[in-house]
């Protein structure tokens, strides 16, 4: 980017402090264009351009469009073609040089637009994947003066969406700074051919100007201050730009933070500081030291030479904290006594350095805001990650999500105890404002929280009630879930179970009640069995009684019966107690105390020695095979039964579709399992995977009298899905809808009725049995 391509006067706003955000909505003295009083003084090209613009506006109005819109306006790139019909213009009159000078005349650039006969304003367009600009021209010439505000607003509104995209992309990508010499962006050749410092080339305004420049094609650039003002005001409103000076803005970039809290990429404001420091150092070395040598300022030369000789910003940490270096450098150049005998050049150098120093100081002041944004960014990342997990976990697993807020904040790399405590409190508030929870106190005094998306509460309680019969952790969660549900039910929370269908909620609640009744009966039965074993007790009583009756018969006396019956009752009672069902721990303790089995260790578990039989080896071999199949199934599970799906039947397969899905995802499955990855025969791999899947899924076989020729007679469902009440409800609803579509076909109705009954009522038959 050269200085000739960007006019820096373009980046100066007119009285920026006096303009508020709504200044574009009302006309000002500078918002009008006038009929030219000096048409004779205009070049032929300028007069032809005005004539063409006048005709253009008439044609637009003739088509009945009174609305101001950017696409209706004449643009600079169309001028060469439009001027081709004016035969009074020679080749020179239609040249780029003539068009440029004509535009300067009608826009009154030399007098800052005080007597302009036309108005120019850019708008942005998308060309492919890139954003470019066009320069619209306005000159209706139907009144003595025309307000340009409607045209200005129309063009800017047309560009707003692309401006936002432009700023957001810029915030993500950052600028291409030279790491070794970032200040080269600010150093360009001036008209005399000398390297000069242009501090404003680092601004957002300069970046925008380079984009607007493309709209002029091969014509030299003409300043567009109105557009720059509108652009920066909009960027501030959207919180996408930070004002450094009235005419110097920088993009508010997205901070790229690593897990340990460090920056993956330097923030924009830090890069700006380093660039201005580097550029100012080079400019001081090239220009200010010449003045110092001519004036023989030996002390300045020595101090500056000593400063330059020391290495700076050699590490990322030093780059992130440049404030001290900025202070040292500014203390050297701010007190430079500029000589007066070389007034013009000396003054130009002084003004350039003063502007750069002013920008550097403001950038240093704003650097503190980066730390605040860093903290907000880290917290936002943690918050979004935690909050996103809750509904996803509840929907997919139908269980409570255990959250340790201290661990979640610690993972983000927050080392400050004060900040960590603040984040923990904020995170709790944000999570608990939308989700329900139960607090569990740990022995060390800390707390963990079980959180749930209460929109699926009935499904969660159903899953925990079913799994809690064999899993202690789920049984504990069931107690917490019931407490949460009770709080939400009295009075009823409006979002309780709002993500489930009413008929499914009723069915789930009924299932839970049935399971609770079954569990209560089982506990009572177990309690009785743990105290008495009725069968040996009754048998002992009967045998003993028969013995006494036989004795009474042979003795021809009733005495054995009188004494024998009570004795038999006592003996039967003692037998019932002695032969009661002992717990596993009691059995192990008895075996251990007997000392008869050397293969039983201190904890009552087998410790097989060299005398173990071959049956143990067979069991070990079987166990290895099962483990291998389990690993293969895990590698294939996410691809065969995807967690994300468009419709519920994507997770329901038959042997044919299973085989097809395995082949479709074979490469991914092989990458997930080293054993499969080594096998080159794809057919063998697919066959192995198919076998592993079939051993690990719920397989529903349709009876021959129900099966239909064109529909699957074998249904394969992931066991985790089969356990989920939510999944079963959705699948049953799908089958019900299909059945309603074919309700006049008795065979199809029978087929779908069987599937609905299996999924809703007899699903437990297809779940793995608890191993004893």
Foldseek 3Di string as FASTA:
>chain_A
DACQQDPCVLLDADPLVVDDLCNLVDFDLLQKAFDDPPVVPADPLLVLVLVLQQVLVVVVVVVPDPAQAPVSFDWLVCSLVSCVVVPVADPVCSDLVNNLVSVCVQCVQVVPRNHHQKDWDKAWDDDPPDIAIIIGIHHNPPDRMDGNSSNNVNRVVRRVVVLVVVLQVCQEPPDPADPVARQVQQWHQDPVRDTDGHLQSLAPLVVVQSRNSVNNPPHRGGRDNVNSSNSVSSCVVVVQWDDLDSSGIDGQHDFQADLQLDGPDDGNLLSSLRNLVSNLLVNCVVPVVVQCVVVVVVVLVVLSVVLVVDDAPPDPVRSLPVVVVLVSVCVSPVPDDQDCVVPPSSVVSVVSSVVSNSSNVSSVVCSVVVVVVSLVSLLVVLLVVVLVCAAVCCVQQLFWDKAQLLVSLVSSNDPDPVSSVVSSVVSVVVNVVQWFWDWDADPVRGIIIGIHRQLCLLLSLLLLLVVVVPDVVSVVRNVGSVVRCVVCVVVPPPNHNNNPDPVLSVLSVVSSVVSVVVVVVVVVVLVVLQQFAQVQLVVQLVVQQVVLVVVCVVVVHCVSNVVRNVVSNVVSNVRGRVPGDDDPQVVLVVVVVVPPDPQQDPRSDGDDDPPDDCVVVVVVVVVVVLVVLVQLQVLCVCQQQPPDDDALCSQKDALVVSLVSCVVCVVSSLVSDVVSVVDPDSVVSSVSSSVSQVVQWQKDAADPVLDDDVDGRIMTHHQSLLSRSRSLVRVLVVLVVVCVVVVVDVSSVSNSVVVSCCSSPVSVVRHDDDDD
